[in-house]
Amino acid sequence: MVPQDLKYTKTHEWVKIEGAQALVGITDHAQHALGDITFVDLPAVGKRLRQFQELGVIESVKAASDLYAPLAGVVAEVNPRLQEAPELVNQDPYGQGWLCRLSEVDSAGLDGLLSAAQYEELIASAS
């Protein structure tokens, strides 16, 4: 099930606007495709990202994949629990497995993202 209150990228990241910040993660579809996640490399706090710029790498037993920023902004926080427990991304991709929080978000970039319905169509057409 794809949460309806999020926006999505074609590269399987999600974003949730929370006040002046944006919470970022990868979708359930992405974590399932990756398999057991073994390592997450996230950007330094304070790094300014452009929309769709690479923000890190996620590694699994199957592959390593780049992660991309769904919106432009500044990394305000990274999920500290992922260093010790990267499997949280598998267990709870929309909750405890979040990747980072962005501040100074350019919300104009939301127009370039997919709605839940559009993302569901994307993953259905890929399978």
N, C-alpha and C. Protein backbone atom coordinates (compact mmCIF):
# COMPACT_ATOMS: atom_id res chain seq x y z
N MET A 1 0.84 -1.20 0.00
CA MET A 1 0.00 0.00 0.00
C MET A 1 0.88 1.25 0.00
N VAL A 2 0.58 2.16 -0.88
CA VAL A 2 1.34 3.40 -1.00
C VAL A 2 0.62 4.49 -0.18
N PRO A 3 1.29 5.05 0.84
CA PRO A 3 0.65 6.11 1.62
C PRO A 3 0.21 7.28 0.73
N GLN A 4 -1.00 7.73 0.96
CA GLN A 4 -1.59 8.78 0.11
C GLN A 4 -1.09 10.18 0.44
N ASP A 5 -0.53 10.38 1.65
CA ASP A 5 -0.16 11.73 2.09
C ASP A 5 1.27 12.11 1.75
N LEU A 6 1.93 11.31 0.92
CA LEU A 6 3.32 11.58 0.56
C LEU A 6 3.42 11.91 -0.92
N LYS A 7 4.56 12.49 -1.31
CA LYS A 7 4.89 12.68 -2.73
C LYS A 7 6.06 11.76 -3.03
N TYR A 8 6.20 11.37 -4.30
CA TYR A 8 7.17 10.34 -4.68
C TYR A 8 8.02 10.77 -5.87
N THR A 9 9.21 10.16 -5.96
CA THR A 9 10.07 10.36 -7.13
C THR A 9 10.01 9.11 -8.00
N LYS A 10 10.43 9.27 -9.24
CA LYS A 10 10.50 8.12 -10.14
C LYS A 10 11.61 7.16 -9.71
N THR A 11 12.51 7.63 -8.83
CA THR A 11 13.61 6.79 -8.34
C THR A 11 13.28 6.18 -6.97
N HIS A 12 12.01 6.23 -6.58
CA HIS A 12 11.46 5.51 -5.41
C HIS A 12 11.79 6.12 -4.06
N GLU A 13 12.04 7.43 -4.01
CA GLU A 13 12.10 8.12 -2.72
C GLU A 13 10.72 8.72 -2.44
N TRP A 14 10.45 8.93 -1.16
CA TRP A 14 9.22 9.63 -0.77
C TRP A 14 9.60 10.85 0.05
N VAL A 15 8.67 11.81 0.10
CA VAL A 15 8.89 13.01 0.90
C VAL A 15 7.57 13.41 1.56
N LYS A 16 7.69 13.84 2.81
CA LYS A 16 6.53 14.32 3.56
C LYS A 16 6.86 15.70 4.12
N ILE A 17 6.05 16.67 3.78
CA ILE A 17 6.25 18.02 4.30
C ILE A 17 5.71 18.07 5.72
N GLU A 18 6.57 18.52 6.64
CA GLU A 18 6.21 18.66 8.06
C GLU A 18 6.56 20.08 8.48
N GLY A 19 5.59 20.97 8.35
CA GLY A 19 5.86 22.38 8.66
C GLY A 19 6.85 22.95 7.66
N ALA A 20 7.97 23.47 8.17
CA ALA A 20 8.99 24.07 7.29
C ALA A 20 10.04 23.05 6.86
N GLN A 21 9.87 21.79 7.25
CA GLN A 21 10.85 20.77 6.90
C GLN A 21 10.23 19.67 6.06
N ALA A 22 11.08 18.83 5.52
CA ALA A 22 10.63 17.70 4.71
C ALA A 22 11.34 16.44 5.20
N LEU A 23 10.56 15.39 5.44
CA LEU A 23 11.10 14.10 5.84
C LEU A 23 11.24 13.25 4.58
N VAL A 24 12.38 12.56 4.44
CA VAL A 24 12.69 11.81 3.22
C VAL A 24 12.98 10.35 3.57
N GLY A 25 12.52 9.45 2.70
CA GLY A 25 12.81 8.03 2.84
C GLY A 25 12.71 7.33 1.51
N ILE A 26 12.82 6.00 1.52
CA ILE A 26 12.58 5.24 0.29
C ILE A 26 11.28 4.46 0.46
N THR A 27 10.69 4.09 -0.64
CA THR A 27 9.39 3.44 -0.61
C THR A 27 9.49 1.97 -0.23
N ASP A 28 8.35 1.43 0.14
CA ASP A 28 8.26 0.01 0.44
C ASP A 28 8.65 -0.81 -0.79
N HIS A 29 8.21 -0.35 -1.95
CA HIS A 29 8.55 -1.03 -3.21
C HIS A 29 10.08 -1.09 -3.38
N ALA A 30 10.75 0.02 -3.11
CA ALA A 30 12.21 0.07 -3.26
C ALA A 30 12.91 -0.84 -2.27
N GLN A 31 12.51 -0.81 -1.01
CA GLN A 31 13.20 -1.64 -0.02
C GLN A 31 12.97 -3.11 -0.33
N HIS A 32 11.79 -3.44 -0.83
CA HIS A 32 11.48 -4.83 -1.19
C HIS A 32 12.37 -5.28 -2.35
N ALA A 33 12.53 -4.42 -3.35
CA ALA A 33 13.36 -4.74 -4.51
C ALA A 33 14.83 -4.88 -4.12
N LEU A 34 15.29 -4.07 -3.16
CA LEU A 34 16.68 -4.12 -2.74
C LEU A 34 17.00 -5.38 -1.93
N GLY A 35 16.04 -5.86 -1.18
CA GLY A 35 16.31 -6.98 -0.28
C GLY A 35 16.85 -6.46 1.05
N ASP A 36 17.52 -7.33 1.78
CA ASP A 36 18.00 -6.97 3.12
C ASP A 36 19.04 -5.85 3.05
N ILE A 37 18.69 -4.72 3.64
CA ILE A 37 19.57 -3.55 3.62
C ILE A 37 20.65 -3.71 4.69
N THR A 38 21.90 -3.50 4.27
CA THR A 38 23.04 -3.72 5.15
C THR A 38 23.77 -2.44 5.55
N PHE A 39 23.58 -1.35 4.77
CA PHE A 39 24.32 -0.11 5.05
C PHE A 39 23.63 1.05 4.36
N VAL A 40 23.58 2.19 5.05
CA VAL A 40 23.03 3.41 4.46
C VAL A 40 24.06 4.53 4.67
N ASP A 41 24.48 5.15 3.57
CA ASP A 41 25.43 6.26 3.61
C ASP A 41 24.66 7.54 3.32
N LEU A 42 24.56 8.41 4.31
CA LEU A 42 23.76 9.63 4.19
C LEU A 42 24.64 10.87 4.20
N PRO A 43 24.12 11.99 3.70
CA PRO A 43 24.91 13.22 3.62
C PRO A 43 25.16 13.83 4.99
N ALA A 44 26.14 14.71 5.03
CA ALA A 44 26.44 15.42 6.27
C ALA A 44 25.36 16.45 6.56
N VAL A 45 25.06 16.64 7.83
CA VAL A 45 24.14 17.69 8.24
C VAL A 45 24.74 19.02 7.78
N GLY A 46 23.89 19.86 7.21
CA GLY A 46 24.34 21.16 6.71
C GLY A 46 24.58 21.17 5.21
N LYS A 47 24.62 20.00 4.59
CA LYS A 47 24.84 19.94 3.13
C LYS A 47 23.61 20.45 2.39
N ARG A 48 23.84 21.33 1.43
CA ARG A 48 22.75 21.86 0.60
C ARG A 48 22.60 20.96 -0.62
N LEU A 49 21.37 20.54 -0.87
CA LEU A 49 21.08 19.63 -1.98
C LEU A 49 20.15 20.31 -2.99
N ARG A 50 20.39 20.02 -4.26
CA ARG A 50 19.47 20.41 -5.32
C ARG A 50 18.44 19.30 -5.49
N GLN A 51 17.29 19.63 -6.03
CA GLN A 51 16.28 18.60 -6.28
C GLN A 51 16.86 17.55 -7.23
N PHE A 52 16.66 16.30 -6.90
CA PHE A 52 17.11 15.12 -7.64
C PHE A 52 18.63 14.91 -7.62
N GLN A 53 19.35 15.68 -6.80
CA GLN A 53 20.78 15.46 -6.62
C GLN A 53 20.99 14.21 -5.77
N GLU A 54 22.07 13.49 -6.05
CA GLU A 54 22.39 12.32 -5.23
C GLU A 54 22.59 12.76 -3.78
N LEU A 55 21.94 12.06 -2.86
CA LEU A 55 22.11 12.42 -1.45
C LEU A 55 22.80 11.34 -0.64
N GLY A 56 22.95 10.16 -1.22
CA GLY A 56 23.62 9.08 -0.50
C GLY A 56 23.53 7.78 -1.26
N VAL A 57 23.89 6.71 -0.55
CA VAL A 57 23.89 5.37 -1.14
C VAL A 57 23.27 4.41 -0.13
N ILE A 58 22.49 3.48 -0.65
CA ILE A 58 21.93 2.43 0.20
C ILE A 58 22.42 1.10 -0.34
N GLU A 59 22.93 0.26 0.55
CA GLU A 59 23.49 -1.03 0.14
C GLU A 59 22.66 -2.16 0.73
N SER A 60 22.50 -3.20 -0.09
CA SER A 60 21.77 -4.37 0.36
C SER A 60 22.55 -5.61 -0.03
N VAL A 61 22.01 -6.76 0.32
CA VAL A 61 22.67 -8.01 -0.06
C VAL A 61 22.67 -8.18 -1.58
N LYS A 62 21.77 -7.49 -2.28
CA LYS A 62 21.67 -7.61 -3.74
C LYS A 62 22.48 -6.56 -4.50
N ALA A 63 22.49 -5.31 -4.01
CA ALA A 63 23.07 -4.22 -4.80
C ALA A 63 23.31 -2.98 -3.95
N ALA A 64 24.02 -2.04 -4.54
CA ALA A 64 24.14 -0.70 -3.97
C ALA A 64 23.39 0.23 -4.90
N SER A 65 22.60 1.13 -4.33
CA SER A 65 21.80 2.05 -5.14
C SER A 65 21.98 3.47 -4.64
N ASP A 66 22.01 4.40 -5.58
CA ASP A 66 22.07 5.81 -5.21
C ASP A 66 20.72 6.26 -4.68
N LEU A 67 20.76 7.22 -3.78
CA LEU A 67 19.56 7.86 -3.24
C LEU A 67 19.55 9.30 -3.74
N TYR A 68 18.37 9.82 -4.03
CA TYR A 68 18.26 11.17 -4.59
C TYR A 68 17.33 12.03 -3.75
N ALA A 69 17.65 13.32 -3.69
CA ALA A 69 16.83 14.27 -2.93
C ALA A 69 15.56 14.58 -3.69
N PRO A 70 14.40 14.32 -3.10
CA PRO A 70 13.15 14.63 -3.79
C PRO A 70 12.89 16.13 -3.93
N LEU A 71 13.48 16.91 -3.02
CA LEU A 71 13.33 18.36 -3.05
C LEU A 71 14.68 19.01 -2.75
N ALA A 72 14.84 20.24 -3.18
CA ALA A 72 16.02 21.02 -2.80
C ALA A 72 15.88 21.44 -1.34
N GLY A 73 17.00 21.48 -0.65
CA GLY A 73 16.98 21.90 0.75
C GLY A 73 18.32 21.65 1.40
N VAL A 74 18.37 21.88 2.70
CA VAL A 74 19.58 21.68 3.49
C VAL A 74 19.34 20.51 4.44
N VAL A 75 20.31 19.60 4.52
CA VAL A 75 20.17 18.46 5.42
C VAL A 75 20.19 18.97 6.86
N ALA A 76 19.05 18.82 7.54
CA ALA A 76 18.92 19.29 8.92
C ALA A 76 19.23 18.18 9.91
N GLU A 77 18.96 16.93 9.48
CA GLU A 77 19.14 15.79 10.37
C GLU A 77 19.20 14.52 9.52
N VAL A 78 20.00 13.57 9.95
CA VAL A 78 19.97 12.23 9.35
C VAL A 78 19.51 11.27 10.44
N ASN A 79 18.90 10.18 10.02
CA ASN A 79 18.37 9.22 10.99
C ASN A 79 19.53 8.52 11.69
N PRO A 80 19.77 8.82 12.97
CA PRO A 80 20.93 8.26 13.67
C PRO A 80 20.82 6.75 13.88
N ARG A 81 19.62 6.22 13.87
CA ARG A 81 19.43 4.79 14.15
C ARG A 81 19.89 3.92 12.99
N LEU A 82 20.01 4.49 11.78
CA LEU A 82 20.36 3.66 10.62
C LEU A 82 21.82 3.21 10.64
N GLN A 83 22.68 3.90 11.38
CA GLN A 83 24.08 3.46 11.49
C GLN A 83 24.16 2.08 12.12
N GLU A 84 23.41 1.89 13.20
CA GLU A 84 23.43 0.63 13.93
C GLU A 84 22.41 -0.37 13.41
N ALA A 85 21.32 0.14 12.81
CA ALA A 85 20.21 -0.74 12.41
C ALA A 85 19.67 -0.36 11.04
N PRO A 86 20.46 -0.57 9.98
CA PRO A 86 19.99 -0.22 8.63
C PRO A 86 18.75 -1.00 8.21
N GLU A 87 18.51 -2.14 8.87
CA GLU A 87 17.34 -2.96 8.55
C GLU A 87 16.02 -2.27 8.88
N LEU A 88 16.07 -1.15 9.62
CA LEU A 88 14.85 -0.39 9.88
C LEU A 88 14.20 0.07 8.58
N VAL A 89 15.02 0.30 7.55
CA VAL A 89 14.47 0.71 6.25
C VAL A 89 13.60 -0.41 5.69
N ASN A 90 14.01 -1.67 5.89
CA ASN A 90 13.19 -2.80 5.45
C ASN A 90 11.94 -2.94 6.31
N GLN A 91 12.11 -2.79 7.61
CA GLN A 91 11.03 -3.07 8.55
C GLN A 91 9.96 -2.00 8.56
N ASP A 92 10.34 -0.74 8.37
CA ASP A 92 9.40 0.37 8.51
C ASP A 92 9.82 1.54 7.61
N PRO A 93 9.73 1.36 6.27
CA PRO A 93 10.26 2.38 5.35
C PRO A 93 9.58 3.74 5.45
N TYR A 94 8.32 3.78 5.91
CA TYR A 94 7.60 5.05 6.01
C TYR A 94 7.59 5.60 7.43
N GLY A 95 8.26 4.91 8.34
CA GLY A 95 8.28 5.33 9.74
C GLY A 95 9.69 5.42 10.25
N GLN A 96 10.08 4.44 11.10
CA GLN A 96 11.39 4.47 11.75
C GLN A 96 12.56 4.36 10.76
N GLY A 97 12.28 3.93 9.53
CA GLY A 97 13.35 3.80 8.54
C GLY A 97 13.55 5.02 7.67
N TRP A 98 13.07 6.19 8.11
CA TRP A 98 13.30 7.42 7.35
C TRP A 98 14.79 7.69 7.21
N LEU A 99 15.16 8.44 6.18
CA LEU A 99 16.58 8.68 5.90
C LEU A 99 17.08 10.01 6.45
N CYS A 100 16.45 11.11 6.04
CA CYS A 100 16.93 12.42 6.49
C CYS A 100 15.79 13.42 6.51
N ARG A 101 16.07 14.54 7.15
CA ARG A 101 15.12 15.64 7.24
C ARG A 101 15.79 16.86 6.61
N LEU A 102 15.05 17.53 5.73
CA LEU A 102 15.57 18.71 5.05
C LEU A 102 14.91 19.97 5.60
N SER A 103 15.70 21.04 5.70
CA SER A 103 15.15 22.36 6.04
C SER A 103 15.38 23.27 4.83
N GLU A 104 14.89 24.49 4.93
CA GLU A 104 15.01 25.45 3.81
C GLU A 104 14.54 24.80 2.50
N VAL A 105 13.43 24.09 2.59
CA VAL A 105 12.91 23.31 1.47
C VAL A 105 12.30 24.22 0.42
N ASP A 106 12.59 23.92 -0.83
CA ASP A 106 11.98 24.62 -1.95
C ASP A 106 10.71 23.86 -2.33
N SER A 107 9.57 24.29 -1.77
CA SER A 107 8.32 23.56 -1.98
C SER A 107 7.81 23.67 -3.42
N ALA A 108 8.37 24.57 -4.21
CA ALA A 108 7.97 24.64 -5.63
C ALA A 108 8.31 23.33 -6.33
N GLY A 109 9.29 22.61 -5.81
CA GLY A 109 9.69 21.34 -6.40
C GLY A 109 8.65 20.24 -6.25
N LEU A 110 7.66 20.45 -5.39
CA LEU A 110 6.61 19.44 -5.20
C LEU A 110 5.86 19.17 -6.51
N ASP A 111 5.77 20.21 -7.36
CA ASP A 111 5.06 20.05 -8.64
C ASP A 111 5.73 19.01 -9.53
N GLY A 112 7.03 18.78 -9.34
CA GLY A 112 7.76 17.83 -10.16
C GLY A 112 7.74 16.40 -9.63
N LEU A 113 6.99 16.17 -8.54
CA LEU A 113 6.93 14.85 -7.92
C LEU A 113 5.63 14.15 -8.26
N LEU A 114 5.60 12.86 -7.99
CA LEU A 114 4.43 12.04 -8.29
C LEU A 114 3.48 11.98 -7.09
N SER A 115 2.19 11.96 -7.37
CA SER A 115 1.20 11.69 -6.34
C SER A 115 1.24 10.20 -6.04
N ALA A 116 0.54 9.79 -4.99
CA ALA A 116 0.48 8.36 -4.65
C ALA A 116 -0.09 7.57 -5.82
N ALA A 117 -1.15 8.07 -6.45
CA ALA A 117 -1.77 7.37 -7.59
C ALA A 117 -0.81 7.25 -8.76
N GLN A 118 -0.07 8.32 -9.04
CA GLN A 118 0.91 8.28 -10.13
C GLN A 118 2.05 7.30 -9.81
N TYR A 119 2.47 7.26 -8.54
CA TYR A 119 3.53 6.34 -8.16
C TYR A 119 3.04 4.89 -8.27
N GLU A 120 1.82 4.64 -7.86
CA GLU A 120 1.25 3.29 -8.00
C GLU A 120 1.23 2.85 -9.47
N GLU A 121 0.88 3.79 -10.36
CA GLU A 121 0.90 3.48 -11.81
C GLU A 121 2.31 3.17 -12.27
N LEU A 122 3.30 3.94 -11.78
CA LEU A 122 4.70 3.73 -12.16
C LEU A 122 5.16 2.32 -11.77
N ILE A 123 4.89 1.90 -10.54
CA ILE A 123 5.39 0.59 -10.12
C ILE A 123 4.58 -0.54 -10.76
N ALA A 124 3.31 -0.28 -11.06
CA ALA A 124 2.50 -1.30 -11.74
C ALA A 124 3.00 -1.50 -13.17
N SER A 125 3.39 -0.43 -13.83
CA SER A 125 3.84 -0.54 -15.23
C SER A 125 5.24 -1.15 -15.30
N ALA A 126 5.99 -1.10 -14.22
CA ALA A 126 7.35 -1.65 -14.21
C ALA A 126 7.36 -3.15 -13.95
N SER A 127 6.26 -3.68 -13.42
CA SER A 127 6.26 -5.10 -13.07
C SER A 127 5.63 -5.97 -14.14
